[in-house]
N, C-alpha and C. Protein backbone atom coordinates (compact mmCIF):
# COMPACT_ATOMS: atom_id res chain seq x y z
N UNK A 1 143.31 -22.29 37.50
CA UNK A 1 142.65 -20.99 37.58
C UNK A 1 141.51 -20.81 36.61
N UNK A 2 141.49 -21.67 35.57
CA UNK A 2 140.30 -21.70 34.62
C UNK A 2 139.14 -22.15 35.45
N UNK A 3 139.32 -23.20 36.21
CA UNK A 3 138.22 -23.74 36.97
C UNK A 3 137.72 -22.71 38.07
N UNK A 4 138.66 -22.02 38.75
CA UNK A 4 138.23 -21.02 39.69
C UNK A 4 137.48 -19.90 39.01
N UNK A 5 137.96 -19.52 37.79
CA UNK A 5 137.16 -18.38 37.07
C UNK A 5 135.77 -18.90 36.68
N UNK A 6 135.65 -20.02 36.31
CA UNK A 6 134.28 -20.59 35.92
C UNK A 6 133.33 -21.08 36.99
N UNK A 7 133.88 -21.35 38.09
CA UNK A 7 133.00 -21.83 39.13
C UNK A 7 132.92 -20.96 40.39
N UNK A 8 133.93 -21.00 41.23
CA UNK A 8 133.80 -20.26 42.51
C UNK A 8 133.85 -18.75 42.21
N UNK A 9 134.49 -18.21 41.27
CA UNK A 9 134.46 -16.82 41.01
C UNK A 9 133.59 -16.38 39.79
N UNK A 10 132.85 -17.19 39.39
CA UNK A 10 131.98 -16.81 38.18
C UNK A 10 131.00 -15.62 38.48
N UNK A 11 130.36 -15.81 39.65
CA UNK A 11 129.43 -14.64 39.95
C UNK A 11 130.08 -13.55 40.69
N UNK A 12 131.07 -13.85 41.51
CA UNK A 12 131.79 -12.83 42.30
C UNK A 12 132.59 -11.83 41.35
N UNK A 13 133.39 -12.43 40.49
CA UNK A 13 134.29 -11.64 39.67
C UNK A 13 133.69 -11.36 38.25
N UNK A 14 133.07 -12.20 37.72
CA UNK A 14 132.67 -12.16 36.39
C UNK A 14 131.16 -12.29 35.99
N UNK A 15 130.38 -12.11 37.14
CA UNK A 15 129.05 -12.34 37.06
C UNK A 15 128.28 -11.44 36.19
N UNK A 16 128.69 -10.35 35.96
CA UNK A 16 128.16 -9.22 35.21
C UNK A 16 128.37 -9.43 33.61
N UNK A 17 129.18 -10.43 33.31
CA UNK A 17 129.59 -10.65 31.90
C UNK A 17 128.91 -11.78 31.19
N UNK A 18 128.72 -11.64 29.90
CA UNK A 18 128.29 -12.89 29.18
C UNK A 18 129.41 -13.82 29.04
N UNK A 19 129.08 -15.03 28.44
CA UNK A 19 130.11 -16.02 28.51
C UNK A 19 131.37 -15.67 27.71
N UNK A 20 131.26 -15.00 26.61
CA UNK A 20 132.40 -14.62 25.82
C UNK A 20 133.33 -13.58 26.50
N UNK A 21 132.74 -12.61 27.13
CA UNK A 21 133.37 -11.60 27.91
C UNK A 21 134.03 -12.18 29.17
N UNK A 22 133.27 -13.16 29.77
CA UNK A 22 133.92 -13.84 30.95
C UNK A 22 135.13 -14.57 30.66
N UNK A 23 135.16 -15.20 29.53
CA UNK A 23 136.45 -16.03 29.14
C UNK A 23 137.50 -14.90 28.92
N UNK A 24 137.15 -13.88 28.16
CA UNK A 24 138.22 -12.93 27.81
C UNK A 24 138.76 -12.20 29.32
N UNK A 25 137.81 -11.88 30.16
CA UNK A 25 138.27 -11.23 31.55
C UNK A 25 139.01 -12.35 32.18
N UNK A 26 138.57 -13.54 32.24
CA UNK A 26 139.29 -14.69 32.99
C UNK A 26 140.64 -14.90 32.48
N UNK A 27 140.85 -14.82 31.10
CA UNK A 27 142.24 -15.03 30.61
C UNK A 27 143.05 -13.95 30.97
N UNK A 28 142.59 -12.62 31.00
CA UNK A 28 143.34 -11.48 31.44
C UNK A 28 143.74 -11.60 32.94
N UNK A 29 142.78 -11.98 33.69
CA UNK A 29 143.00 -12.19 35.16
C UNK A 29 144.04 -13.28 35.35
N UNK A 30 144.03 -14.35 34.62
CA UNK A 30 145.08 -15.41 34.83
C UNK A 30 146.30 -14.90 34.34
N UNK A 31 146.44 -14.22 33.20
CA UNK A 31 147.74 -13.58 32.68
C UNK A 31 148.38 -12.64 33.74
N UNK A 32 147.53 -11.75 34.26
CA UNK A 32 147.97 -10.82 35.15
C UNK A 32 148.50 -11.42 36.58
N UNK A 33 147.77 -12.50 36.96
CA UNK A 33 148.13 -13.15 38.20
C UNK A 33 149.32 -14.13 38.15
N UNK A 34 149.33 -14.86 37.02
CA UNK A 34 150.34 -15.90 36.91
C UNK A 34 151.47 -15.70 35.83
N UNK A 35 151.13 -14.73 34.89
CA UNK A 35 152.11 -14.51 33.75
C UNK A 35 151.87 -15.44 32.65
N UNK A 36 150.95 -16.41 32.77
CA UNK A 36 150.65 -17.27 31.66
C UNK A 36 149.46 -16.81 30.98
N UNK A 37 149.70 -16.63 29.60
CA UNK A 37 148.78 -16.06 28.64
C UNK A 37 148.04 -17.20 27.92
N UNK A 38 146.90 -17.65 28.22
CA UNK A 38 146.20 -18.71 27.65
C UNK A 38 145.46 -18.11 26.37
N UNK A 39 145.47 -18.93 25.41
CA UNK A 39 144.62 -18.57 24.18
C UNK A 39 143.17 -18.92 24.58
N UNK A 40 142.38 -18.47 23.68
CA UNK A 40 140.85 -18.81 23.86
C UNK A 40 140.70 -20.36 23.83
N UNK A 41 141.41 -20.86 22.80
CA UNK A 41 141.30 -22.35 22.62
C UNK A 41 141.87 -23.16 23.75
N UNK A 42 143.01 -22.79 24.44
CA UNK A 42 143.53 -23.44 25.49
C UNK A 42 142.55 -23.26 26.72
N UNK A 43 142.05 -22.17 26.98
CA UNK A 43 141.10 -21.97 27.97
C UNK A 43 139.97 -22.90 27.89
N UNK A 44 139.35 -22.97 26.73
CA UNK A 44 138.15 -23.88 26.57
C UNK A 44 138.58 -25.33 26.71
N UNK A 45 139.76 -25.67 26.24
CA UNK A 45 140.23 -27.05 26.29
C UNK A 45 140.45 -27.43 27.79
N UNK A 46 141.06 -26.60 28.65
CA UNK A 46 141.28 -26.90 29.99
C UNK A 46 139.79 -27.00 30.66
N UNK A 47 139.01 -26.26 30.38
CA UNK A 47 137.63 -26.20 30.97
C UNK A 47 136.90 -27.42 30.53
N UNK A 48 137.08 -27.93 29.25
CA UNK A 48 136.34 -29.15 28.79
C UNK A 48 136.90 -30.39 29.51
N UNK A 49 138.28 -30.26 29.54
CA UNK A 49 138.90 -31.53 30.16
C UNK A 49 138.45 -31.73 31.66
N UNK A 50 138.33 -30.55 32.37
CA UNK A 50 137.83 -30.64 33.76
C UNK A 50 136.32 -31.16 33.84
N UNK A 51 135.54 -30.64 32.96
CA UNK A 51 134.19 -31.08 32.75
C UNK A 51 133.97 -32.60 32.54
N UNK A 52 134.84 -33.15 31.62
CA UNK A 52 134.82 -34.44 31.28
C UNK A 52 135.30 -35.31 32.38
N UNK A 53 136.30 -34.85 33.09
CA UNK A 53 136.71 -35.59 34.30
C UNK A 53 135.66 -35.70 35.37
N UNK A 54 134.93 -34.61 35.58
CA UNK A 54 133.91 -34.75 36.62
C UNK A 54 132.84 -35.62 36.13
N UNK A 55 132.38 -35.52 34.85
CA UNK A 55 131.34 -36.45 34.38
C UNK A 55 131.85 -37.78 34.48
N UNK A 56 133.03 -38.23 34.17
CA UNK A 56 133.39 -39.62 34.43
C UNK A 56 133.37 -40.04 35.81
N UNK A 57 133.75 -39.26 36.83
CA UNK A 57 133.69 -39.61 38.23
C UNK A 57 132.22 -39.74 38.67
N UNK A 58 131.28 -38.91 38.15
CA UNK A 58 129.91 -39.06 38.56
C UNK A 58 129.23 -40.24 37.90
N UNK A 59 129.70 -40.71 36.87
CA UNK A 59 128.96 -41.78 36.12
C UNK A 59 129.22 -43.17 36.77
């Protein structure tokens, strides 16, 4: 869901927010939808892991 929040839904759901507010809103959305409360650090970690995996596949 971190990836959904950052890519497909970034403009639709969170487009009016700056990066910090987007992360906060996305974390709240994830918690409300799944019951899983990610910390700011966990959110950024999962996003970074995804970006790294994409970079490795494209290289």
